[in-house]
N, C-alpha and C. Protein backbone atom coordinates (compact mmCIF):
# COMPACT_ATOMS: atom_id res chain seq x y z
N SER A 1 -79.46 -96.23 -118.74
CA SER A 1 -78.77 -97.71 -119.60
C SER A 1 -78.55 -97.58 -120.94
N SER A 2 -78.25 -98.22 -121.43
CA SER A 2 -77.57 -98.20 -122.82
C SER A 2 -77.52 -99.80 -123.65
N GLY A 3 -78.06 -99.32 -125.13
CA GLY A 3 -77.79 -100.61 -125.49
C GLY A 3 -77.39 -100.48 -127.17
N ILE A 4 -76.87 -101.30 -127.67
CA ILE A 4 -76.61 -101.38 -129.00
C ILE A 4 -76.86 -102.34 -129.42
N ASN A 5 -77.86 -102.06 -131.01
CA ASN A 5 -78.44 -103.71 -131.60
C ASN A 5 -78.24 -103.27 -133.11
N ALA A 6 -76.93 -104.08 -133.79
CA ALA A 6 -76.64 -103.30 -134.86
C ALA A 6 -75.35 -104.40 -135.26
N GLU A 7 -74.69 -104.07 -136.06
CA GLU A 7 -73.64 -105.20 -136.80
C GLU A 7 -72.31 -104.68 -136.18
N TRP A 8 -71.10 -104.74 -135.28
CA TRP A 8 -69.96 -104.14 -134.93
C TRP A 8 -69.02 -105.34 -135.23
N PRO A 9 -68.38 -103.92 -136.86
CA PRO A 9 -67.74 -105.06 -137.82
C PRO A 9 -66.32 -104.88 -137.21
N LEU A 10 -66.01 -106.12 -136.31
CA LEU A 10 -64.50 -106.31 -135.77
C LEU A 10 -63.92 -107.33 -136.74
N ARG A 11 -63.16 -107.40 -137.78
CA ARG A 11 -62.55 -107.81 -138.32
C ARG A 11 -61.55 -108.91 -138.17
N PRO A 12 -61.47 -110.26 -138.53
CA PRO A 12 -60.39 -111.17 -138.04
C PRO A 12 -59.00 -110.56 -138.01
N GLY A 13 -58.26 -111.38 -137.38
CA GLY A 13 -56.72 -110.57 -137.04
C GLY A 13 -57.07 -108.99 -136.94
N GLY A 14 -57.71 -108.46 -136.49
CA GLY A 14 -57.58 -106.93 -136.22
C GLY A 14 -57.83 -106.67 -135.06
N MET A 15 -59.33 -105.79 -134.82
CA MET A 15 -59.45 -105.51 -133.10
C MET A 15 -60.20 -106.81 -132.64
N TYR A 16 -59.91 -107.54 -132.79
CA TYR A 16 -61.57 -108.31 -131.90
C TYR A 16 -60.51 -109.45 -131.20
N SER A 17 -60.80 -108.39 -129.78
CA SER A 17 -60.73 -109.54 -128.45
C SER A 17 -62.11 -108.50 -127.73
N TRP A 18 -62.30 -109.40 -126.03
CA TRP A 18 -63.91 -109.30 -125.72
C TRP A 18 -63.40 -107.31 -125.32
N ASP A 19 -62.19 -106.30 -125.00
CA ASP A 19 -62.53 -105.24 -124.88
C ASP A 19 -62.60 -104.26 -126.21
N HIS A 20 -62.73 -105.11 -127.12
CA HIS A 20 -63.02 -104.19 -127.85
C HIS A 20 -64.41 -104.56 -128.48
N THR A 21 -65.41 -105.37 -127.87
CA THR A 21 -66.95 -105.56 -128.29
C THR A 21 -67.54 -104.64 -127.47
N PRO A 22 -68.89 -104.09 -127.99
CA PRO A 22 -69.65 -103.25 -127.40
C PRO A 22 -69.88 -103.13 -125.69
N VAL A 23 -69.89 -104.72 -125.03
CA VAL A 23 -70.27 -104.28 -123.92
C VAL A 23 -69.04 -103.94 -123.15
N LYS A 24 -67.69 -103.97 -123.85
CA LYS A 24 -66.46 -103.63 -122.75
C LYS A 24 -65.99 -102.06 -123.41
N ARG A 25 -67.28 -101.48 -124.20
CA ARG A 25 -67.14 -100.28 -124.79
C ARG A 25 -68.44 -99.70 -124.21
N GLY A 26 -68.44 -100.02 -122.85
CA GLY A 26 -69.59 -99.09 -122.39
C GLY A 26 -71.25 -99.28 -122.70
N PHE A 27 -71.53 -100.37 -123.22
CA PHE A 27 -72.94 -100.32 -124.07
C PHE A 27 -73.34 -101.98 -122.76
N GLU A 28 -74.04 -101.77 -122.05
CA GLU A 28 -74.47 -102.79 -120.96
C GLU A 28 -75.11 -104.09 -122.09
N THR A 29 -75.84 -103.84 -122.88
CA THR A 29 -76.09 -104.96 -123.91
C THR A 29 -75.74 -104.68 -125.25
N TRP A 30 -75.99 -106.01 -126.07
CA TRP A 30 -75.35 -105.57 -127.39
C TRP A 30 -76.01 -106.96 -127.77
N PHE A 31 -76.69 -106.98 -128.61
CA PHE A 31 -77.41 -107.51 -130.19
C PHE A 31 -77.29 -107.63 -131.48
N GLY A 32 -76.33 -108.45 -132.15
CA GLY A 32 -76.16 -108.13 -133.42
C GLY A 32 -75.19 -109.34 -133.67
N SER A 33 -73.88 -108.59 -134.53
CA SER A 33 -73.10 -109.61 -135.19
C SER A 33 -72.18 -108.64 -135.33
N TYR A 34 -71.08 -109.97 -135.25
CA TYR A 34 -69.34 -108.89 -135.09
C TYR A 34 -68.82 -109.09 -136.54
N LEU A 35 -68.60 -109.82 -137.57
CA LEU A 35 -68.49 -109.57 -139.09
C LEU A 35 -69.34 -109.60 -139.69
N ALA A 36 -69.02 -108.71 -141.09
CA ALA A 36 -70.26 -107.81 -141.82
C ALA A 36 -70.24 -109.16 -142.94
N GLN A 37 -71.18 -109.17 -143.73
CA GLN A 37 -71.28 -110.18 -144.60
C GLN A 37 -72.37 -110.52 -143.82
N GLN A 38 -73.31 -110.97 -143.27
CA GLN A 38 -74.19 -112.08 -142.42
C GLN A 38 -75.46 -112.10 -143.66
N ASP A 39 -76.01 -113.51 -143.56
CA ASP A 39 -77.15 -113.58 -144.09
C ASP A 39 -78.20 -113.25 -143.50
N TYR A 40 -79.30 -112.46 -143.83
CA TYR A 40 -80.60 -111.39 -142.99
C TYR A 40 -81.19 -112.75 -142.62
N PHE A 41 -81.35 -114.15 -142.95
CA PHE A 41 -82.58 -114.76 -142.56
C PHE A 41 -81.55 -116.27 -142.15
N THR A 42 -80.46 -116.51 -142.02
CA THR A 42 -79.72 -117.22 -141.13
C THR A 42 -78.74 -117.00 -140.64
N HIS A 43 -77.92 -115.55 -140.77
CA HIS A 43 -77.63 -115.36 -139.83
C HIS A 43 -75.96 -115.62 -139.88
N LYS A 44 -75.86 -116.69 -141.04
CA LYS A 44 -74.70 -116.85 -141.11
C LYS A 44 -73.42 -116.20 -141.87
N THR A 45 -72.31 -116.52 -142.07
CA THR A 45 -71.02 -115.54 -142.14
C THR A 45 -70.23 -116.96 -142.80
N VAL A 46 -69.22 -116.87 -143.92
CA VAL A 46 -67.81 -117.77 -143.84
C VAL A 46 -67.50 -118.46 -142.67
N ASP A 47 -67.96 -117.59 -141.52
CA ASP A 47 -67.18 -118.98 -140.64
C ASP A 47 -68.05 -119.50 -139.65
N GLY A 48 -69.74 -119.15 -139.82
CA GLY A 48 -70.36 -119.67 -139.26
C GLY A 48 -71.67 -118.27 -139.07
N ILE A 49 -72.62 -119.43 -138.00
CA ILE A 49 -73.73 -118.37 -137.00
C ILE A 49 -73.31 -116.85 -136.43
N ASP A 50 -73.28 -116.01 -136.90
CA ASP A 50 -72.81 -115.14 -135.93
C ASP A 50 -73.63 -114.04 -135.89
N PHE A 51 -74.90 -114.51 -135.04
CA PHE A 51 -75.85 -113.36 -134.52
C PHE A 51 -75.53 -113.97 -132.73
N ARG A 52 -75.77 -112.68 -132.50
CA ARG A 52 -75.28 -112.85 -130.92
C ARG A 52 -75.72 -111.72 -129.72
N ASP A 53 -76.01 -112.52 -128.72
CA ASP A 53 -77.02 -111.64 -127.83
C ASP A 53 -75.77 -111.30 -126.31
N ASN A 54 -74.91 -110.50 -126.23
CA ASN A 54 -73.56 -110.22 -124.94
C ASN A 54 -74.33 -109.49 -124.42
N TYR A 55 -73.82 -109.37 -123.31
CA TYR A 55 -73.72 -108.38 -121.97
C TYR A 55 -72.70 -109.11 -121.29
N GLU A 56 -72.73 -107.93 -119.55
CA GLU A 56 -72.03 -108.57 -118.51
C GLU A 56 -72.72 -109.03 -117.86
N ASN A 57 -72.30 -110.69 -117.11
CA ASN A 57 -72.89 -110.67 -116.34
C ASN A 57 -72.88 -110.07 -114.73
N VAL A 58 -73.58 -110.42 -113.60
CA VAL A 58 -72.66 -109.74 -112.34
C VAL A 58 -71.09 -110.02 -112.15
N ASN A 59 -70.95 -110.73 -112.30
CA ASN A 59 -69.37 -110.67 -112.05
C ASN A 59 -68.42 -109.89 -112.90
N GLY A 60 -69.28 -109.01 -114.00
CA GLY A 60 -68.27 -107.95 -115.00
C GLY A 60 -67.58 -109.17 -115.92
N GLU A 61 -68.32 -110.08 -116.15
CA GLU A 61 -67.56 -110.96 -117.33
C GLU A 61 -68.37 -111.21 -118.79
N VAL A 62 -68.35 -111.09 -119.64
CA VAL A 62 -68.67 -111.12 -120.95
C VAL A 62 -69.35 -112.45 -121.17
N VAL A 63 -71.09 -112.35 -121.51
CA VAL A 63 -71.79 -113.56 -121.57
C VAL A 63 -71.54 -113.54 -123.23
N ASP A 64 -70.92 -114.57 -123.82
CA ASP A 64 -71.21 -114.66 -125.19
C ASP A 64 -72.38 -115.64 -126.12
N ASN A 65 -73.60 -114.72 -126.03
CA ASN A 65 -74.30 -116.29 -126.62
C ASN A 65 -74.98 -115.87 -127.96
N VAL A 66 -74.24 -116.74 -128.60
CA VAL A 66 -74.36 -117.02 -129.96
C VAL A 66 -75.84 -117.49 -130.26
N ARG A 67 -76.92 -117.02 -131.09
CA ARG A 67 -78.22 -116.96 -130.87
C ARG A 67 -78.48 -118.00 -132.46
N SER A 68 -78.35 -119.50 -132.62
CA SER A 68 -78.73 -119.74 -133.48
C SER A 68 -80.05 -120.31 -133.51
N ASP A 69 -80.62 -119.65 -132.51
CA ASP A 69 -81.85 -120.52 -132.52
C ASP A 69 -83.20 -119.56 -133.30
N LEU A 70 -82.20 -118.10 -133.89
CA LEU A 70 -83.26 -117.33 -134.40
C LEU A 70 -83.18 -117.74 -135.84
N GLU A 71 -82.71 -118.44 -136.06
CA GLU A 71 -82.45 -119.01 -137.75
C GLU A 71 -83.75 -118.48 -138.40
N GLY A 72 -83.73 -118.47 -140.02
CA GLY A 72 -84.81 -118.01 -140.67
C GLY A 72 -85.94 -116.59 -139.71
N GLN A 73 -85.29 -115.90 -139.28
CA GLN A 73 -85.81 -114.91 -138.94
C GLN A 73 -85.07 -113.62 -139.45
N TYR A 74 -86.04 -112.91 -139.92
CA TYR A 74 -85.21 -111.71 -140.81
C TYR A 74 -84.44 -110.41 -139.86
N SER A 75 -83.29 -110.31 -139.66
CA SER A 75 -82.35 -109.29 -138.56
C SER A 75 -82.87 -108.24 -138.55
N THR A 76 -83.91 -107.74 -139.70
CA THR A 76 -84.48 -105.80 -139.16
C THR A 76 -85.52 -106.42 -138.24
N HIS A 77 -86.03 -107.48 -138.05
CA HIS A 77 -87.36 -107.39 -137.49
C HIS A 77 -86.76 -108.20 -135.95
N LEU A 78 -85.92 -108.51 -135.71
CA LEU A 78 -85.28 -108.94 -134.92
C LEU A 78 -84.37 -107.61 -134.06
N PHE A 79 -84.09 -106.83 -134.99
CA PHE A 79 -83.37 -105.57 -134.21
C PHE A 79 -84.60 -104.72 -133.56
N THR A 80 -85.27 -104.94 -134.86
CA THR A 80 -86.87 -104.19 -134.20
C THR A 80 -87.48 -104.21 -133.02
N ASN A 81 -87.51 -105.88 -133.02
CA ASN A 81 -88.20 -106.20 -131.63
C ASN A 81 -87.37 -106.52 -130.14
N ARG A 82 -86.33 -106.25 -130.82
CA ARG A 82 -85.11 -106.05 -129.43
C ARG A 82 -85.21 -104.93 -128.65
N SER A 83 -84.80 -104.02 -129.56
CA SER A 83 -85.18 -102.38 -129.38
C SER A 83 -86.23 -101.98 -128.38
N VAL A 84 -87.75 -102.29 -128.89
CA VAL A 84 -89.32 -102.14 -128.51
C VAL A 84 -88.67 -102.58 -127.05
N GLU A 85 -88.69 -104.06 -126.86
CA GLU A 85 -88.10 -104.87 -125.53
C GLU A 85 -87.48 -103.79 -124.63
N LEU A 86 -85.69 -103.25 -125.47
CA LEU A 86 -85.34 -102.38 -123.96
C LEU A 86 -85.84 -101.46 -124.00
N ILE A 87 -86.37 -100.40 -124.85
CA ILE A 87 -87.20 -99.33 -124.68
C ILE A 87 -88.48 -99.22 -123.26
N GLN A 88 -88.87 -100.67 -123.75
CA GLN A 88 -90.27 -100.92 -122.71
C GLN A 88 -89.72 -101.12 -121.59
N ALA A 89 -88.63 -101.78 -121.16
CA ALA A 89 -88.24 -102.00 -120.02
C ALA A 89 -87.36 -101.92 -119.11
N HIS A 90 -86.84 -100.62 -119.72
CA HIS A 90 -85.72 -99.74 -118.94
C HIS A 90 -87.01 -98.97 -117.71
N ASP A 91 -85.92 -98.14 -116.79
CA ASP A 91 -86.53 -97.49 -115.79
C ASP A 91 -87.28 -96.14 -116.77
N GLN A 92 -87.89 -95.54 -116.63
CA GLN A 92 -88.31 -94.54 -117.09
C GLN A 92 -87.58 -93.39 -116.45
N ASN A 93 -87.29 -93.46 -115.22
CA ASN A 93 -86.66 -92.39 -114.52
C ASN A 93 -85.12 -92.02 -114.77
N GLU A 94 -84.71 -93.03 -115.47
CA GLU A 94 -83.40 -93.24 -115.98
C GLU A 94 -83.41 -92.99 -117.58
N PRO A 95 -82.19 -92.07 -118.15
CA PRO A 95 -81.57 -91.67 -119.62
C PRO A 95 -81.87 -93.44 -119.88
N LEU A 96 -82.00 -93.32 -121.34
CA LEU A 96 -81.70 -94.45 -121.84
C LEU A 96 -80.96 -94.11 -123.18
N PHE A 97 -79.98 -94.64 -124.08
CA PHE A 97 -78.78 -94.34 -125.15
C PHE A 97 -79.32 -95.66 -125.90
N LEU A 98 -80.02 -95.82 -126.90
CA LEU A 98 -80.23 -97.05 -128.00
C LEU A 98 -80.04 -96.70 -128.94
N TYR A 99 -78.54 -97.39 -129.50
CA TYR A 99 -77.70 -96.86 -130.90
C TYR A 99 -78.48 -98.67 -131.54
N LEU A 100 -79.33 -98.35 -132.60
CA LEU A 100 -79.81 -99.14 -133.49
C LEU A 100 -79.34 -98.92 -135.16
N ALA A 101 -78.61 -99.51 -135.80
CA ALA A 101 -78.31 -99.52 -137.07
C ALA A 101 -79.02 -100.72 -137.78
N TYR A 102 -79.87 -100.66 -138.92
CA TYR A 102 -80.37 -101.41 -139.36
C TYR A 102 -79.07 -102.27 -140.62
N THR A 103 -78.87 -103.80 -140.88
CA THR A 103 -78.24 -103.70 -141.60
C THR A 103 -78.87 -104.38 -142.73
N SER A 104 -79.97 -103.79 -142.97
CA SER A 104 -80.86 -103.89 -144.50
C SER A 104 -80.30 -102.97 -145.63
N ALA A 105 -79.84 -102.15 -144.71
CA ALA A 105 -79.15 -101.17 -145.70
C ALA A 105 -78.22 -100.92 -147.09
N HIS A 106 -77.71 -102.15 -146.98
CA HIS A 106 -76.72 -102.72 -147.78
C HIS A 106 -77.19 -103.82 -148.18
N THR A 107 -76.18 -104.66 -148.77
CA THR A 107 -76.05 -106.24 -149.36
C THR A 107 -75.39 -106.76 -148.20
N PRO A 108 -75.58 -108.02 -147.88
CA PRO A 108 -75.04 -109.04 -146.53
C PRO A 108 -73.55 -109.00 -147.34
């Protein structure tokens, strides 16, 4: 299994289509933001809330779940908690690739 917990910076007017999102690029799960300059606690950009929990459903369709319920929680803690959940839930007999890139290393 594979997952990505990070910022995946898609630029408006650029490579922004479902075919360019993490779950269409081989990752089974995606938890993070598509646009840069997101506030660490409100998860807002100039375009609104951009904290997402995406995955492909059983029909292979991308589910885009914007997580407005996470407002007030620090992004780094959210990424860490989701990573721990993925590690604990995966089948130990199968390989796991988890890409975790914190956004706290730079300003929003």
